[in-house]
């Protein structure tokens, strides 16, 4: 049974009325196929980097005609939800060729954790040769490594000042999200070299607490900055109760003490409105959409979407648009894609690019219908 507080009932009814799957205002063109793709990013020359969970990184032209592998990817712990994850460019990539990638790595005695590394991307002058990651350096790790291969999260984003933000899932262990001796279930803020900014909210506590920007998160699989500087994040709820959160410095988002969903066992978790000291989500999804990937759209091809958040849906097999207005957010539209959507990106010309999930998944380019 799906439990809903009054807070969630309002959101749920609004979603049912306004956000049923709509006729899409776009044409989806398949470009290439991948095996369990996870993330993508565009290079300044218009080519894409696409990661596959098993540990491959590809350089792809926008027409899909050339797909070459990138050498030098670190060994990943592939299994469950783990493997190669996010790939993003340094804000000054044009000058330093630095890329950042996240992945799951094995520890001792059957434990695992996420890591983030940076490397210099050495690319050939044409599309036919193989590029390489050089001088790879791990700059952050989840602490502690734990058993199991779920909820790594490890999405990456830079803000306008060049600070590096990392989402760190609670690894399906619940309590670490509230434990400041662990960096699980947190949003992390670092300098681009992995060092700790001295204006972080918990820097005086030392240890991994000094890395933390916000806490009480479950499995955040999307993070993006709006043009106004606000940081938005979505995270998987337990049994339903996915969240779309405005992330604020030093705030606690309550998991696992509160949630708009319940445990998979059926055991209830109190809603956010029972504990006002915790930050409540701006949008909560019941039933689940299983969000993955996130952008704040800034292009011109879809002018009505400018300033909106776009996210993929795994279980919902949808592209979801969330309208943003300052500190407020509401689901505005949902488009049935017929497949699980793992990743969303914006292309240089304002087209929207999607990666489907699982094996045999397509890279799709969305453009307005002709």
Protein backbone atom coordinates (compact mmCIF):
# COMPACT_ATOMS: atom_id res chain seq x y z
CA UNK A 1 0.00 0.00 0.00
CA UNK A 2 1.27 3.50 -0.86
CA UNK A 3 1.23 5.77 2.18
CA UNK A 4 0.82 9.52 1.65
CA UNK A 5 0.88 12.40 4.09
CA UNK A 6 -1.21 15.50 3.40
CA UNK A 7 1.95 17.11 2.00
CA UNK A 8 2.46 14.30 -0.47
CA UNK A 9 -1.24 13.93 -1.32
CA UNK A 10 -1.19 17.51 -2.64
CA UNK A 11 1.85 16.79 -4.78
CA UNK A 12 0.48 13.43 -5.86
CA UNK A 13 -2.87 14.83 -6.99
CA UNK A 14 -1.12 17.69 -8.78
CA UNK A 15 1.09 15.19 -10.60
CA UNK A 16 -1.89 13.03 -11.57
CA UNK A 17 -3.76 16.02 -13.00
CA UNK A 18 -0.96 17.96 -14.70
CA UNK A 19 1.81 15.47 -15.37
CA UNK A 20 0.32 12.46 -17.12
CA UNK A 21 2.49 11.42 -20.06
CA UNK A 22 1.95 13.98 -22.82
CA UNK A 23 2.31 13.81 -26.57
CA UNK A 24 5.99 14.68 -26.99
CA UNK A 25 6.91 18.02 -28.63
CA UNK A 26 10.04 16.43 -30.07
CA UNK A 27 11.39 13.85 -32.47
CA UNK A 28 13.72 11.24 -30.95
CA UNK A 29 16.47 10.16 -33.34
CA UNK A 30 18.62 7.12 -32.43
CA UNK A 31 22.32 7.88 -32.86
CA UNK A 32 24.30 4.94 -31.42
CA UNK A 33 23.95 1.91 -29.14
CA UNK A 34 25.77 1.08 -25.91
CA UNK A 35 25.90 -1.68 -23.31
CA UNK A 36 24.71 -0.35 -19.93
CA UNK A 37 25.60 3.31 -20.53
CA UNK A 38 25.62 5.51 -17.45
CA UNK A 39 26.69 9.07 -18.27
CA UNK A 40 27.74 11.41 -21.06
CA UNK A 41 29.18 14.86 -21.58
CA UNK A 42 29.96 17.04 -24.58
CA UNK A 43 33.46 18.17 -25.53
CA UNK A 44 34.04 21.70 -26.88
CA UNK A 45 34.38 20.29 -30.41
CA UNK A 46 30.88 18.76 -30.19
CA UNK A 47 31.90 15.12 -29.73
CA UNK A 48 30.60 13.18 -26.72
CA UNK A 49 32.20 11.10 -24.03
CA UNK A 50 29.93 8.21 -23.00
CA UNK A 51 30.62 5.86 -20.08
CA UNK A 52 29.47 2.26 -19.79
CA UNK A 53 29.01 0.73 -16.36
CA UNK A 54 31.30 -2.22 -17.08
CA UNK A 55 34.26 0.17 -17.36
CA UNK A 56 34.43 1.44 -20.95
CA UNK A 57 34.61 5.08 -21.98
CA UNK A 58 33.84 6.04 -25.57
CA UNK A 59 34.44 9.06 -27.79
CA UNK A 60 31.43 9.46 -30.08
CA UNK A 61 30.60 11.81 -32.93
CA UNK A 62 27.15 13.39 -32.90
CA UNK A 63 26.08 11.41 -35.95
CA UNK A 64 27.20 8.18 -34.31
CA UNK A 65 29.47 7.39 -37.25
CA UNK A 66 32.60 7.13 -35.09
CA UNK A 67 32.72 5.42 -31.70
CA UNK A 68 36.23 4.85 -30.37
CA UNK A 69 37.30 3.72 -26.93
CA UNK A 70 39.32 5.81 -24.48
CA UNK A 71 42.27 4.02 -22.85
CA UNK A 72 43.44 4.49 -19.28
CA UNK A 73 40.11 4.08 -17.46
CA UNK A 74 40.79 2.81 -13.90
CA UNK A 75 39.72 -0.69 -12.90
CA UNK A 76 36.13 -0.60 -11.71
CA UNK A 77 34.16 -2.89 -9.39
CA UNK A 78 31.46 -3.90 -11.84
CA UNK A 79 28.41 -5.50 -10.27
CA UNK A 80 25.04 -4.58 -8.83
CA UNK A 81 24.74 -0.80 -9.21
CA UNK A 82 28.51 -0.41 -9.31
CA UNK A 83 30.92 0.28 -12.13
CA UNK A 84 32.02 3.29 -14.14
CA UNK A 85 29.74 6.24 -13.42
CA UNK A 86 29.77 9.95 -14.17
CA UNK A 87 32.04 11.83 -16.56
CA UNK A 88 32.32 15.65 -16.50
CA UNK A 89 34.75 18.25 -17.80
CA UNK A 90 36.72 20.70 -15.67
CA UNK A 91 35.30 24.22 -16.16
CA UNK A 92 38.63 25.17 -17.77
CA UNK A 93 38.83 22.05 -19.92
CA UNK A 94 39.78 24.01 -23.03
CA UNK A 95 43.00 25.05 -21.27
CA UNK A 96 43.82 22.03 -19.07
CA UNK A 97 42.06 19.03 -20.73
CA UNK A 98 41.06 17.76 -17.27
CA UNK A 99 38.14 15.36 -16.95
CA UNK A 100 36.55 13.92 -13.80
CA UNK A 101 35.07 10.46 -13.56
CA UNK A 102 33.38 8.51 -10.79
CA UNK A 103 33.39 4.76 -10.33
CA UNK A 104 32.99 1.95 -7.82
CA UNK A 105 36.17 0.37 -6.50
CA UNK A 106 36.75 -2.73 -4.42
CA UNK A 107 38.26 -2.61 -0.96
CA UNK A 108 39.40 -5.41 1.31
CA UNK A 109 37.25 -8.30 2.49
CA UNK A 110 34.39 -7.84 0.05
CA UNK A 111 33.80 -4.15 0.63
CA UNK A 112 33.20 -1.46 -1.97
CA UNK A 113 32.99 2.30 -2.29
CA UNK A 114 32.77 5.08 -4.82
CA UNK A 115 35.77 7.08 -5.93
CA UNK A 116 36.27 10.21 -8.03
CA UNK A 117 39.41 10.66 -10.12
CA UNK A 118 40.70 13.33 -12.45
CA UNK A 119 42.88 12.84 -15.50
CA UNK A 120 44.12 14.64 -18.57
CA UNK A 121 42.22 13.64 -21.69
CA UNK A 122 44.59 13.13 -24.61
CA UNK A 123 42.58 13.06 -27.83
CA UNK A 124 43.65 12.26 -31.38
CA UNK A 125 43.33 14.85 -34.06
CA UNK A 126 40.74 12.81 -35.94
CA UNK A 127 37.79 10.56 -35.07
CA UNK A 128 39.39 7.25 -35.98
CA UNK A 129 42.07 6.87 -33.31
CA UNK A 130 41.87 6.00 -29.62
CA UNK A 131 42.24 8.67 -26.96
CA UNK A 132 43.69 8.16 -23.49
CA UNK A 133 43.33 9.27 -19.90
CA UNK A 134 46.74 10.33 -18.63
CA UNK A 135 48.07 11.15 -15.13
CA UNK A 136 44.96 9.77 -13.44
CA UNK A 137 44.71 10.76 -9.77
CA UNK A 138 42.03 9.70 -7.25
CA UNK A 139 40.91 12.83 -5.42
CA UNK A 140 38.00 11.51 -3.30
CA UNK A 141 36.67 8.25 -1.87
CA UNK A 142 33.60 7.15 0.05
CA UNK A 143 34.43 6.47 3.69
CA UNK A 144 33.99 3.82 4.89
CA UNK A 145 33.87 1.14 2.23
CA UNK A 146 31.05 -1.26 3.06
CA UNK A 147 29.54 -4.52 1.84
CA UNK A 148 27.03 -4.55 -0.99
CA UNK A 149 27.02 -2.90 -4.40
CA UNK A 150 24.15 -0.43 -4.26
CA UNK A 151 23.54 3.30 -3.83
CA UNK A 152 26.90 4.70 -4.81
CA UNK A 153 25.20 7.77 -6.36
CA UNK A 154 28.54 9.46 -7.35
CA UNK A 155 27.15 12.17 -9.61
CA UNK A 156 29.46 15.16 -10.17
CA UNK A 157 28.89 18.87 -10.89
CA UNK A 158 30.92 22.09 -10.82
CA UNK A 159 29.48 25.41 -9.74
CA UNK A 160 30.30 28.77 -11.31
CA UNK A 161 33.11 29.37 -8.82
CA UNK A 162 34.81 26.11 -9.78
CA UNK A 163 33.93 24.11 -6.66
CA UNK A 164 33.39 20.39 -7.19
CA UNK A 165 30.20 18.81 -5.83
CA UNK A 166 29.78 15.03 -5.50
CA UNK A 167 26.68 13.08 -4.47
CA UNK A 168 27.49 10.21 -2.11
CA UNK A 169 24.81 7.57 -1.59
CA UNK A 170 24.22 5.91 1.78
CA UNK A 171 25.07 2.52 0.24
CA UNK A 172 21.78 0.96 1.42
CA UNK A 173 23.04 1.18 5.02
CA UNK A 174 20.52 3.83 6.19
CA UNK A 175 22.18 5.30 9.32
CA UNK A 176 25.41 6.58 7.71
CA UNK A 177 23.35 9.33 6.09
CA UNK A 178 23.17 10.93 9.57
CA UNK A 179 26.64 9.88 10.76
CA UNK A 180 29.22 12.66 10.40
CA UNK A 181 32.10 10.23 10.81
CA UNK A 182 31.13 8.83 7.38
CA UNK A 183 30.72 10.69 4.09
CA UNK A 184 27.92 8.37 2.94
CA UNK A 185 24.47 9.85 2.34
CA UNK A 186 25.93 13.31 1.83
CA UNK A 187 26.60 15.99 -0.77
CA UNK A 188 30.34 16.72 -0.85
CA UNK A 189 32.01 20.03 -1.76
CA UNK A 190 35.69 20.17 -2.69
CA UNK A 191 38.24 22.20 -4.59
CA UNK A 192 39.01 20.84 -8.05
CA UNK A 193 42.09 19.05 -6.71
CA UNK A 194 40.12 17.29 -3.96
CA UNK A 195 41.25 19.57 -1.15
CA UNK A 196 38.66 20.87 1.33
CA UNK A 197 37.37 24.46 1.15
CA UNK A 198 37.78 26.21 4.46
CA UNK A 199 34.29 27.74 4.24
CA UNK A 200 32.52 24.36 4.17
CA UNK A 201 29.80 24.23 6.86
CA UNK A 202 31.35 21.46 8.98
CA UNK A 203 35.03 22.12 8.39
CA UNK A 204 35.65 22.70 12.10
CA UNK A 205 34.67 19.10 12.85
CA UNK A 206 37.60 17.80 10.82
CA UNK A 207 37.87 14.39 9.16
CA UNK A 208 35.38 13.55 6.44
CA UNK A 209 32.87 15.90 8.08
CA UNK A 210 34.87 18.76 6.63
CA UNK A 211 33.93 17.60 3.11
CA UNK A 212 30.18 17.69 3.74
CA UNK A 213 27.90 20.32 2.21
CA UNK A 214 24.57 18.68 3.16
CA UNK A 215 23.46 15.41 4.73
CA UNK A 216 20.52 13.05 5.16
CA UNK A 217 20.41 11.90 1.54
CA UNK A 218 19.61 8.42 0.25
CA UNK A 219 20.69 7.76 -3.35
CA UNK A 220 21.10 11.05 -5.27
CA UNK A 221 21.37 10.22 -8.98
CA UNK A 222 21.04 13.71 -10.39
CA UNK A 223 22.67 17.04 -9.52
CA UNK A 224 22.67 20.34 -11.44
CA UNK A 225 23.11 24.05 -10.89
CA UNK A 226 20.49 26.48 -12.16
CA UNK A 227 21.62 29.73 -13.82
CA UNK A 228 20.74 31.59 -10.60
CA UNK A 229 23.27 29.44 -8.70
CA UNK A 230 20.73 27.28 -6.88
CA UNK A 231 21.76 23.64 -6.54
CA UNK A 232 19.07 21.07 -7.35
CA UNK A 233 19.26 17.37 -6.68
CA UNK A 234 16.97 14.39 -6.99
CA UNK A 235 17.25 11.13 -5.12
CA UNK A 236 15.62 7.74 -5.15
CA UNK A 237 13.18 7.20 -2.32
CA UNK A 238 12.86 3.83 -0.59
CA UNK A 239 9.50 2.29 -1.58
CA UNK A 240 8.23 5.34 -3.50
CA UNK A 241 8.83 8.86 -2.18
CA UNK A 242 11.49 9.97 -4.69
CA UNK A 243 12.61 13.51 -3.91
CA UNK A 244 13.51 16.68 -5.81
CA UNK A 245 15.48 18.85 -3.41
CA UNK A 246 16.90 22.35 -3.30
CA UNK A 247 20.28 21.73 -1.69
CA UNK A 248 21.30 24.33 0.89
CA UNK A 249 24.54 24.78 2.78
CA UNK A 250 24.72 22.66 5.93
CA UNK A 251 21.13 21.44 5.81
CA UNK A 252 19.88 17.97 6.79
CA UNK A 253 17.36 16.29 4.47
CA UNK A 254 16.32 13.74 7.04
CA UNK A 255 16.95 10.28 5.64
CA UNK A 256 16.44 7.67 7.12
CA UNK A 257 14.66 9.41 10.01
CA UNK A 258 12.04 10.86 7.65
CA UNK A 259 11.02 10.12 4.07
CA UNK A 260 7.96 10.46 1.86
CA UNK A 261 8.28 6.74 1.14
CA UNK A 262 8.46 3.67 3.37
CA UNK A 263 10.85 0.75 3.74
CA UNK A 264 10.54 -2.06 1.21
CA UNK A 265 9.49 -4.30 4.07
CA UNK A 266 6.39 -2.16 4.50
CA UNK A 267 7.64 -0.60 7.73
CA UNK A 268 6.61 3.04 7.82
CA UNK A 269 9.03 5.97 7.86
CA UNK A 270 7.66 9.23 9.29
CA UNK A 271 7.00 11.95 6.71
CA UNK A 272 8.97 15.20 6.60
CA UNK A 273 6.05 17.15 8.00
CA UNK A 274 6.45 15.29 11.31
CA UNK A 275 9.99 16.67 11.75
CA UNK A 276 10.17 20.28 10.55
CA UNK A 277 13.84 20.56 11.50
CA UNK A 278 14.63 18.54 8.37
CA UNK A 279 14.48 20.03 4.87
CA UNK A 280 11.45 18.73 2.95
CA UNK A 281 11.58 17.99 -0.79
CA UNK A 282 10.16 20.53 -3.20
CA UNK A 283 8.62 17.65 -5.19
CA UNK A 284 7.96 14.09 -4.00
CA UNK A 285 6.87 11.31 -6.30
CA UNK A 286 4.35 8.69 -5.22
CA UNK A 287 4.34 6.36 -7.02
CA UNK A 288 8.01 6.37 -7.90
CA UNK A 289 9.46 7.73 -11.13
CA UNK A 290 12.94 6.37 -10.23
CA UNK A 291 14.81 9.50 -11.33
CA UNK A 292 18.22 9.41 -13.02
CA UNK A 293 20.24 12.11 -14.74
CA UNK A 294 19.48 15.83 -14.44
CA UNK A 295 20.01 19.05 -16.36
CA UNK A 296 18.66 22.58 -16.07
CA UNK A 297 17.79 23.41 -19.67
CA UNK A 298 19.27 26.62 -21.09
CA UNK A 299 18.96 26.11 -24.85
CA UNK A 300 16.83 27.77 -27.52
CA UNK A 301 15.46 24.76 -29.42
CA UNK A 302 12.79 24.26 -26.75
CA UNK A 303 12.12 27.85 -25.60
CA UNK A 304 9.21 26.86 -23.37
CA UNK A 305 11.53 24.63 -21.37
CA UNK A 306 14.28 27.17 -20.71
CA UNK A 307 15.03 27.24 -16.98
CA UNK A 308 13.26 23.92 -16.34
CA UNK A 309 14.83 20.81 -14.89
CA UNK A 310 14.80 17.73 -17.13
CA UNK A 311 15.36 14.30 -15.64
CA UNK A 312 15.12 10.72 -16.79
CA UNK A 313 12.85 8.11 -15.31
CA UNK A 314 14.00 4.51 -14.89
CA UNK A 315 10.93 2.67 -13.63
CA UNK A 316 8.64 5.32 -15.17
CA UNK A 317 10.43 5.05 -18.56
CA UNK A 318 9.93 8.76 -19.03
CA UNK A 319 11.46 12.15 -19.59
CA UNK A 320 10.18 14.41 -16.81
CA UNK A 321 10.12 18.21 -16.87
CA UNK A 322 10.10 20.06 -13.55
CA UNK A 323 9.29 23.77 -13.71
CA UNK A 324 11.48 25.90 -11.44
CA UNK A 325 10.56 29.30 -10.00
CA UNK A 326 13.09 30.55 -7.48
CA UNK A 327 12.94 28.16 -4.54
CA UNK A 328 9.81 26.43 -5.88
CA UNK A 329 9.49 23.40 -8.15
CA UNK A 330 6.58 21.45 -9.60
CA UNK A 331 6.37 18.63 -12.12
CA UNK A 332 5.03 20.17 -15.32
CA UNK A 333 5.14 17.43 -17.95
CA UNK A 334 6.05 13.79 -18.40
CA UNK A 335 6.78 12.09 -21.72
CA UNK A 336 6.65 8.34 -22.20
CA UNK A 337 9.92 7.15 -23.79
CA UNK A 338 9.11 3.43 -23.72
CA UNK A 339 12.50 2.61 -22.16
CA UNK A 340 14.29 3.27 -18.88
CA UNK A 341 16.14 6.60 -19.17
CA UNK A 342 19.49 6.72 -17.38
CA UNK A 343 20.99 10.05 -18.45
CA UNK A 344 19.99 13.46 -19.80
CA UNK A 345 22.31 16.02 -21.40
CA UNK A 346 22.02 19.22 -23.39
CA UNK A 347 23.87 19.43 -26.69
CA UNK A 348 25.76 22.47 -27.99
CA UNK A 349 22.86 23.47 -30.26
CA UNK A 350 20.21 23.08 -27.55
CA UNK A 351 19.11 19.59 -28.55
CA UNK A 352 18.38 17.21 -25.66
CA UNK A 353 20.27 13.93 -25.54
CA UNK A 354 19.18 10.83 -23.64
CA UNK A 355 20.82 7.53 -22.78
CA UNK A 356 18.58 4.54 -22.28
CA UNK A 357 19.44 2.08 -19.52
CA UNK A 358 20.61 -1.56 -19.62
CA UNK A 359 22.13 -3.57 -22.49
CA UNK A 360 21.45 -2.59 -26.10
CA UNK A 361 20.53 0.93 -25.03
CA UNK A 362 20.33 3.78 -27.48
CA UNK A 363 21.76 7.27 -27.47
CA UNK A 364 18.84 9.49 -28.54
CA UNK A 365 18.84 13.06 -29.84
CA UNK A 366 15.64 15.02 -29.21
CA UNK A 367 14.83 17.91 -31.55
CA UNK A 368 11.62 19.82 -32.31
CA UNK A 369 9.46 18.04 -34.94
CA UNK A 370 9.89 19.33 -38.47
